[in-house]
Amino acid sequence: MVLDSTMNHVKVEEVVEAVEEAVVEKPVEEATNKKEEDLFKLSKSEQIDKLKELGLSKSEIKKLKSEIERVNKIIELN
């Protein structure tokens, strides 16, 4: 069996790209999860204070009915 050097080159590049993506994306994903965990640990009033600090009005905050909505909005605005 004869191996084509261009095929090997393409495969090597694919492997390198996959490894780089795994190395780069994983810490970002973990950081987001850690940040999300920290925000869920906050009390409702602390979450609301954060939203106020980020510039949301009382009426905008009132529209965020659940903790998940508040946390997602904080992450979105950061």
PDB file of N, CA and C in Angstrom:
ATOM      1  N   MET A   1       0.849  -1.188   0.000  1.00  0.00           N
ATOM      2  CA  MET A   1       0.000   0.000   0.000  1.00  0.00           C
ATOM      3  C   MET A   1       0.890   1.245   0.000  1.00  0.00           C
ATOM      4  N   VAL A   2       0.599   2.163  -0.882  1.00  0.00           N
ATOM      5  CA  VAL A   2       1.365   3.394  -1.003  1.00  0.00           C
ATOM      6  C   VAL A   2       0.546   4.523  -0.390  1.00  0.00           C
ATOM      7  N   LEU A   3       1.164   5.268   0.523  1.00  0.00           N
ATOM      8  CA  LEU A   3       0.473   6.384   1.168  1.00  0.00           C
ATOM      9  C   LEU A   3       0.759   7.671   0.415  1.00  0.00           C
ATOM     10  N   ASP A   4      -0.239   8.418   0.209  1.00  0.00           N
ATOM     11  CA  ASP A   4      -0.118   9.708  -0.453  1.00  0.00           C
ATOM     12  C   ASP A   4       0.275  10.735   0.600  1.00  0.00           C
ATOM     13  N   SER A   5       1.359  11.442   0.387  1.00  0.00           N
ATOM     14  CA  SER A   5       1.847  12.401   1.389  1.00  0.00           C
ATOM     15  C   SER A   5       0.849  13.536   1.621  1.00  0.00           C
ATOM     16  N   THR A   6       0.068  13.904   0.618  1.00  0.00           N
ATOM     17  CA  THR A   6      -0.915  14.967   0.824  1.00  0.00           C
ATOM     18  C   THR A   6      -2.040  14.494   1.732  1.00  0.00           C
ATOM     19  N   MET A   7      -2.401  13.226   1.640  1.00  0.00           N
ATOM     20  CA  MET A   7      -3.437  12.676   2.517  1.00  0.00           C
ATOM     21  C   MET A   7      -2.962  12.705   3.957  1.00  0.00           C
ATOM     22  N   ASN A   8      -1.720  12.319   4.184  1.00  0.00           N
ATOM     23  CA  ASN A   8      -1.175  12.343   5.540  1.00  0.00           C
ATOM     24  C   ASN A   8      -1.135  13.771   6.074  1.00  0.00           C
ATOM     25  N   HIS A   9      -0.758  14.691   5.228  1.00  0.00           N
ATOM     26  CA  HIS A   9      -0.688  16.095   5.633  1.00  0.00           C
ATOM     27  C   HIS A   9      -2.069  16.613   6.050  1.00  0.00           C
ATOM     28  N   VAL A  10      -3.086  16.266   5.271  1.00  0.00           N
ATOM     29  CA  VAL A  10      -4.455  16.688   5.572  1.00  0.00           C
ATOM     30  C   VAL A  10      -4.908  16.085   6.894  1.00  0.00           C
ATOM     31  N   LYS A  11      -4.649  14.816   7.098  1.00  0.00           N
ATOM     32  CA  LYS A  11      -5.042  14.150   8.333  1.00  0.00           C
ATOM     33  C   LYS A  11      -4.336  14.764   9.531  1.00  0.00           C
ATOM     34  N   VAL A  12      -3.055  15.047   9.390  1.00  0.00           N
ATOM     35  CA  VAL A  12      -2.301  15.660  10.484  1.00  0.00           C
ATOM     36  C   VAL A  12      -2.892  17.025  10.809  1.00  0.00           C
ATOM     37  N   GLU A  13      -3.206  17.811   9.791  1.00  0.00           N
ATOM     38  CA  GLU A  13      -3.799  19.130  10.028  1.00  0.00           C
ATOM     39  C   GLU A  13      -5.148  19.012  10.722  1.00  0.00           C
ATOM     40  N   GLU A  14      -5.950  18.010  10.341  1.00  0.00           N
ATOM     41  CA  GLU A  14      -7.246  17.806  10.986  1.00  0.00           C
ATOM     42  C   GLU A  14      -7.072  17.462  12.463  1.00  0.00           C
ATOM     43  N   VAL A  15      -6.099  16.617  12.756  1.00  0.00           N
ATOM     44  CA  VAL A  15      -5.842  16.225  14.150  1.00  0.00           C
ATOM     45  C   VAL A  15      -5.356  17.438  14.945  1.00  0.00           C
ATOM     46  N   VAL A  16      -4.442  18.197  14.380  1.00  0.00           N
ATOM     47  CA  VAL A  16      -3.917  19.386  15.057  1.00  0.00           C
ATOM     48  C   VAL A  16      -5.048  20.371  15.325  1.00  0.00           C
ATOM     49  N   GLU A  17      -5.900  20.582  14.343  1.00  0.00           N
ATOM     50  CA  GLU A  17      -7.031  21.503  14.495  1.00  0.00           C
ATOM     51  C   GLU A  17      -7.979  21.026  15.598  1.00  0.00           C
ATOM     52  N   ALA A  18      -8.260  19.730  15.608  1.00  0.00           N
ATOM     53  CA  ALA A  18      -9.156  19.178  16.629  1.00  0.00           C
ATOM     54  C   ALA A  18      -8.569  19.342  18.018  1.00  0.00           C
ATOM     55  N   VAL A  19      -7.284  19.118  18.155  1.00  0.00           N
ATOM     56  CA  VAL A  19      -6.618  19.265  19.456  1.00  0.00           C
ATOM     57  C   VAL A  19      -6.639  20.733  19.894  1.00  0.00           C
ATOM     58  N   GLU A  20      -6.340  21.635  18.973  1.00  0.00           N
ATOM     59  CA  GLU A  20      -6.354  23.063  19.313  1.00  0.00           C
ATOM     60  C   GLU A  20      -7.741  23.507  19.761  1.00  0.00           C
ATOM     61  N   GLU A  21      -8.777  23.046  19.077  1.00  0.00           N
ATOM     62  CA  GLU A  21     -10.137  23.404  19.466  1.00  0.00           C
ATOM     63  C   GLU A  21     -10.468  22.875  20.852  1.00  0.00           C
ATOM     64  N   ALA A  22     -10.069  21.659  21.128  1.00  0.00           N
ATOM     65  CA  ALA A  22     -10.344  21.058  22.440  1.00  0.00           C
ATOM     66  C   ALA A  22      -9.616  21.817  23.537  1.00  0.00           C
ATOM     67  N   VAL A  23      -8.397  22.212  23.278  1.00  0.00           N
ATOM     68  CA  VAL A  23      -7.609  22.925  24.280  1.00  0.00           C
ATOM     69  C   VAL A  23      -8.150  24.327  24.502  1.00  0.00           C
ATOM     70  N   VAL A  24      -8.548  25.002  23.447  1.00  0.00           N
ATOM     71  CA  VAL A  24      -9.026  26.379  23.549  1.00  0.00           C
ATOM     72  C   VAL A  24     -10.451  26.449  24.089  1.00  0.00           C
ATOM     73  N   GLU A  25     -11.343  25.618  23.588  1.00  0.00           N
ATOM     74  CA  GLU A  25     -12.749  25.723  23.943  1.00  0.00           C
ATOM     75  C   GLU A  25     -13.072  25.182  25.329  1.00  0.00           C
ATOM     76  N   LYS A  26     -12.396  24.169  25.769  1.00  0.00           N
ATOM     77  CA  LYS A  26     -12.730  23.548  27.042  1.00  0.00           C
ATOM     78  C   LYS A  26     -12.583  24.526  28.201  1.00  0.00           C
ATOM     79  N   PRO A  27     -11.459  25.240  28.345  1.00  0.00           N
ATOM     80  CA  PRO A  27     -11.364  26.175  29.471  1.00  0.00           C
ATOM     81  C   PRO A  27     -12.428  27.269  29.421  1.00  0.00           C
ATOM     82  N   VAL A  28     -12.772  27.746  28.248  1.00  0.00           N
ATOM     83  CA  VAL A  28     -13.804  28.774  28.127  1.00  0.00           C
ATOM     84  C   VAL A  28     -15.132  28.214  28.611  1.00  0.00           C
ATOM     85  N   GLU A  29     -15.424  26.994  28.200  1.00  0.00           N
ATOM     86  CA  GLU A  29     -16.666  26.341  28.599  1.00  0.00           C
ATOM     87  C   GLU A  29     -16.679  26.136  30.116  1.00  0.00           C
ATOM     88  N   GLU A  30     -15.560  25.698  30.674  1.00  0.00           N
ATOM     89  CA  GLU A  30     -15.478  25.488  32.119  1.00  0.00           C
ATOM     90  C   GLU A  30     -15.612  26.810  32.860  1.00  0.00           C
ATOM     91  N   ALA A  31     -15.005  27.852  32.317  1.00  0.00           N
ATOM     92  CA  ALA A  31     -15.091  29.165  32.956  1.00  0.00           C
ATOM     93  C   ALA A  31     -16.529  29.646  32.978  1.00  0.00           C
ATOM     94  N   THR A  32     -17.246  29.439  31.883  1.00  0.00           N
ATOM     95  CA  THR A  32     -18.651  29.832  31.818  1.00  0.00           C
ATOM     96  C   THR A  32     -19.458  29.053  32.834  1.00  0.00           C
ATOM     97  N   ASN A  33     -19.210  27.754  32.917  1.00  0.00           N
ATOM     98  CA  ASN A  33     -19.935  26.937  33.878  1.00  0.00           C
ATOM     99  C   ASN A  33     -19.642  27.380  35.307  1.00  0.00           C
ATOM    100  N   LYS A  34     -18.401  27.715  35.602  1.00  0.00           N
ATOM    101  CA  LYS A  34     -18.021  28.170  36.943  1.00  0.00           C
ATOM    102  C   LYS A  34     -18.711  29.496  37.251  1.00  0.00           C
ATOM    103  N   LYS A  35     -18.701  30.395  36.287  1.00  0.00           N
ATOM    104  CA  LYS A  35     -19.348  31.694  36.465  1.00  0.00           C
ATOM    105  C   LYS A  35     -20.846  31.502  36.682  1.00  0.00           C
ATOM    106  N   GLU A  36     -21.441  30.620  35.885  1.00  0.00           N
ATOM    107  CA  GLU A  36     -22.862  30.330  36.011  1.00  0.00           C
ATOM    108  C   GLU A  36     -23.170  29.755  37.391  1.00  0.00           C
ATOM    109  N   GLU A  37     -22.336  28.834  37.854  1.00  0.00           N
ATOM    110  CA  GLU A  37     -22.526  28.248  39.188  1.00  0.00           C
ATOM    111  C   GLU A  37     -22.483  29.334  40.261  1.00  0.00           C
ATOM    112  N   ASP A  38     -21.506  30.224  40.143  1.00  0.00           N
ATOM    113  CA  ASP A  38     -21.366  31.304  41.132  1.00  0.00           C
ATOM    114  C   ASP A  38     -22.596  32.204  41.132  1.00  0.00           C
ATOM    115  N   LEU A  39     -23.145  32.471  39.950  1.00  0.00           N
ATOM    116  CA  LEU A  39     -24.331  33.326  39.868  1.00  0.00           C
ATOM    117  C   LEU A  39     -25.555  32.647  40.470  1.00  0.00           C
ATOM    118  N   PHE A  40     -25.671  31.339  40.304  1.00  0.00           N
ATOM    119  CA  PHE A  40     -26.796  30.612  40.898  1.00  0.00           C
ATOM    120  C   PHE A  40     -26.689  30.568  42.424  1.00  0.00           C
ATOM    121  N   LYS A  41     -25.475  30.668  42.937  1.00  0.00           N
ATOM    122  CA  LYS A  41     -25.272  30.661  44.391  1.00  0.00           C
ATOM    123  C   LYS A  41     -25.703  31.977  45.033  1.00  0.00           C
ATOM    124  N   LEU A  42     -25.799  33.035  44.219  1.00  0.00           N
ATOM    125  CA  LEU A  42     -26.229  34.330  44.741  1.00  0.00           C
ATOM    126  C   LEU A  42     -27.710  34.279  45.113  1.00  0.00           C
ATOM    127  N   SER A  43     -28.072  35.078  46.101  1.00  0.00           N
ATOM    128  CA  SER A  43     -29.490  35.184  46.444  1.00  0.00           C
ATOM    129  C   SER A  43     -30.205  35.987  45.358  1.00  0.00           C
ATOM    130  N   LYS A  44     -31.518  35.946  45.374  1.00  0.00           N
ATOM    131  CA  LYS A  44     -32.306  36.683  44.388  1.00  0.00           C
ATOM    132  C   LYS A  44     -31.969  38.172  44.450  1.00  0.00           C
ATOM    133  N   SER A  45     -31.874  38.719  45.651  1.00  0.00           N
ATOM    134  CA  SER A  45     -31.587  40.154  45.775  1.00  0.00           C
ATOM    135  C   SER A  45     -30.180  40.486  45.274  1.00  0.00           C
ATOM    136  N   GLU A  46     -29.227  39.579  45.464  1.00  0.00           N
ATOM    137  CA  GLU A  46     -27.874  39.814  44.947  1.00  0.00           C
ATOM    138  C   GLU A  46     -27.868  39.763  43.415  1.00  0.00           C
ATOM    139  N   GLN A  47     -28.646  38.850  42.845  1.00  0.00           N
ATOM    140  CA  GLN A  47     -28.760  38.785  41.384  1.00  0.00           C
ATOM    141  C   GLN A  47     -29.382  40.077  40.847  1.00  0.00           C
ATOM    142  N   ILE A  48     -30.406  40.559  41.534  1.00  0.00           N
ATOM    143  CA  ILE A  48     -31.067  41.801  41.117  1.00  0.00           C
ATOM    144  C   ILE A  48     -30.108  42.981  41.216  1.00  0.00           C
ATOM    145  N   ASP A  49     -29.318  43.028  42.288  1.00  0.00           N
ATOM    146  CA  ASP A  49     -28.317  44.094  42.430  1.00  0.00           C
ATOM    147  C   ASP A  49     -27.321  44.062  41.270  1.00  0.00           C
ATOM    148  N   LYS A  50     -26.899  42.860  40.889  1.00  0.00           N
ATOM    149  CA  LYS A  50     -25.975  42.722  39.757  1.00  0.00           C
ATOM    150  C   LYS A  50     -26.605  43.259  38.474  1.00  0.00           C
ATOM    151  N   LEU A  51     -27.878  42.918  38.268  1.00  0.00           N
ATOM    152  CA  LEU A  51     -28.579  43.391  37.071  1.00  0.00           C
ATOM    153  C   LEU A  51     -28.686  44.915  37.062  1.00  0.00           C
ATOM    154  N   LYS A  52     -28.933  45.507  38.225  1.00  0.00           N
ATOM    155  CA  LYS A  52     -28.981  46.974  38.325  1.00  0.00           C
ATOM    156  C   LYS A  52     -27.622  47.575  37.997  1.00  0.00           C
ATOM    157  N   GLU A  53     -26.556  46.950  38.524  1.00  0.00           N
ATOM    158  CA  GLU A  53     -25.198  47.419  38.240  1.00  0.00           C
ATOM    159  C   GLU A  53     -24.890  47.373  36.746  1.00  0.00           C
ATOM    160  N   LEU A  54     -25.492  46.404  36.070  1.00  0.00           N
ATOM    161  CA  LEU A  54     -25.275  46.246  34.627  1.00  0.00           C
ATOM    162  C   LEU A  54     -26.178  47.143  33.789  1.00  0.00           C
ATOM    163  N   GLY A  55     -26.995  47.974  34.459  1.00  0.00           N
ATOM    164  CA  GLY A  55     -27.769  48.988  33.758  1.00  0.00           C
ATOM    165  C   GLY A  55     -29.212  48.647  33.446  1.00  0.00           C
ATOM    166  N   LEU A  56     -29.737  47.555  33.982  1.00  0.00           N
ATOM    167  CA  LEU A  56     -31.139  47.214  33.731  1.00  0.00           C
ATOM    168  C   LEU A  56     -32.050  48.047  34.627  1.00  0.00           C
ATOM    169  N   SER A  57     -33.182  48.426  34.076  1.00  0.00           N
ATOM    170  CA  SER A  57     -34.169  49.177  34.856  1.00  0.00           C
ATOM    171  C   SER A  57     -35.004  48.200  35.684  1.00  0.00           C
ATOM    172  N   LYS A  58     -35.771  48.756  36.624  1.00  0.00           N
ATOM    173  CA  LYS A  58     -36.637  47.914  37.459  1.00  0.00           C
ATOM    174  C   LYS A  58     -37.641  47.146  36.617  1.00  0.00           C
ATOM    175  N   SER A  59     -38.193  47.798  35.606  1.00  0.00           N
ATOM    176  CA  SER A  59     -39.187  47.125  34.762  1.00  0.00           C
ATOM    177  C   SER A  59     -38.547  46.000  33.934  1.00  0.00           C
ATOM    178  N   GLU A  60     -37.317  46.209  33.478  1.00  0.00           N
ATOM    179  CA  GLU A  60     -36.624  45.149  32.734  1.00  0.00           C
ATOM    180  C   GLU A  60     -36.324  43.958  33.647  1.00  0.00           C
ATOM    181  N   ILE A  61     -35.946  44.257  34.873  1.00  0.00           N
ATOM    182  CA  ILE A  61     -35.646  43.192  35.841  1.00  0.00           C
ATOM    183  C   ILE A  61     -36.903  42.419  36.189  1.00  0.00           C
ATOM    184  N   LYS A  62     -38.023  43.142  36.324  1.00  0.00           N
ATOM    185  CA  LYS A  62     -39.291  42.498  36.662  1.00  0.00           C
ATOM    186  C   LYS A  62     -39.722  41.483  35.609  1.00  0.00           C
ATOM    187  N   LYS A  63     -39.341  41.713  34.360  1.00  0.00           N
ATOM    188  CA  LYS A  63     -39.696  40.804  33.272  1.00  0.00           C
ATOM    189  C   LYS A  63     -38.952  39.475  33.371  1.00  0.00           C
ATOM    190  N   LEU A  64     -37.859  39.462  34.121  1.00  0.00           N
ATOM    191  CA  LEU A  64     -37.079  38.238  34.296  1.00  0.00           C
ATOM    192  C   LEU A  64     -37.704  37.457  35.447  1.00  0.00           C
ATOM    193  N   LYS A  65     -38.579  36.538  35.122  1.00  0.00           N
ATOM    194  CA  LYS A  65     -39.409  35.849  36.121  1.00  0.00           C
ATOM    195  C   LYS A  65     -38.676  34.759  36.894  1.00  0.00           C
ATOM    196  N   SER A  66     -37.690  34.110  36.281  1.00  0.00           N
ATOM    197  CA  SER A  66     -37.043  32.986  36.953  1.00  0.00           C
ATOM    198  C   SER A  66     -35.559  33.261  37.194  1.00  0.00           C
ATOM    199  N   GLU A  67     -34.996  32.459  38.070  1.00  0.00           N
ATOM    200  CA  GLU A  67     -33.567  32.578  38.371  1.00  0.00           C
ATOM    201  C   GLU A  67     -32.735  32.320  37.119  1.00  0.00           C
ATOM    202  N   ILE A  68     -33.155  31.366  36.320  1.00  0.00           N
ATOM    203  CA  ILE A  68     -32.425  31.049  35.087  1.00  0.00           C
ATOM    204  C   ILE A  68     -32.395  32.257  34.160  1.00  0.00           C
ATOM    205  N   GLU A  69     -33.520  32.957  34.048  1.00  0.00           N
ATOM    206  CA  GLU A  69     -33.567  34.153  33.203  1.00  0.00           C
ATOM    207  C   GLU A  69     -32.643  35.239  33.741  1.00  0.00           C
ATOM    208  N   ARG A  70     -32.626  35.416  35.068  1.00  0.00           N
ATOM    209  CA  ARG A  70     -31.734  36.432  35.665  1.00  0.00           C
ATOM    210  C   ARG A  70     -30.272  36.090  35.415  1.00  0.00           C
ATOM    211  N   VAL A  71     -29.901  34.842  35.653  1.00  0.00           N
ATOM    212  CA  VAL A  71     -28.509  34.417  35.466  1.00  0.00           C
ATOM    213  C   VAL A  71     -28.099  34.549  33.998  1.00  0.00           C
ATOM    214  N   ASN A  72     -28.951  34.117  33.095  1.00  0.00           N
ATOM    215  CA  ASN A  72     -28.634  34.231  31.668  1.00  0.00           C
ATOM    216  C   ASN A  72     -28.461  35.684  31.240  1.00  0.00           C
ATOM    217  N   LYS A  73     -29.277  36.571  31.779  1.00  0.00           N
ATOM    218  CA  LYS A  73     -29.177  37.997  31.439  1.00  0.00           C
ATOM    219  C   LYS A  73     -27.858  38.578  31.972  1.00  0.00           C
ATOM    220  N   ILE A  74     -27.481  38.188  33.182  1.00  0.00           N
ATOM    221  CA  ILE A  74     -26.207  38.672  33.737  1.00  0.00           C
ATOM    222  C   ILE A  74     -25.047  38.210  32.865  1.00  0.00           C
ATOM    223  N   ILE A  75     -25.069  36.953  32.465  1.00  0.00           N
ATOM    224  CA  ILE A  75     -23.994  36.428  31.609  1.00  0.00           C
ATOM    225  C   ILE A  75     -23.996  37.139  30.261  1.00  0.00           C
ATOM    226  N   GLU A  76     -25.173  37.368  29.717  1.00  0.00           N
ATOM    227  CA  GLU A  76     -25.297  38.063  28.425  1.00  0.00           C
ATOM    228  C   GLU A  76     -24.709  39.464  28.501  1.00  0.00           C
ATOM    229  N   LEU A  77     -24.936  40.169  29.592  1.00  0.00           N
ATOM    230  CA  LEU A  77     -24.500  41.567  29.702  1.00  0.00           C
ATOM    231  C   LEU A  77     -23.038  41.716  30.105  1.00  0.00           C
ATOM    232  N   ASN A  78     -22.442  40.656  30.595  1.00  0.00           N
ATOM    233  CA  ASN A  78     -21.016  40.720  30.980  1.00  0.00           C
ATOM    234  C   ASN A  78     -20.117  40.510  29.807  1.00  0.00           C
TER     235      ASN A  78
END
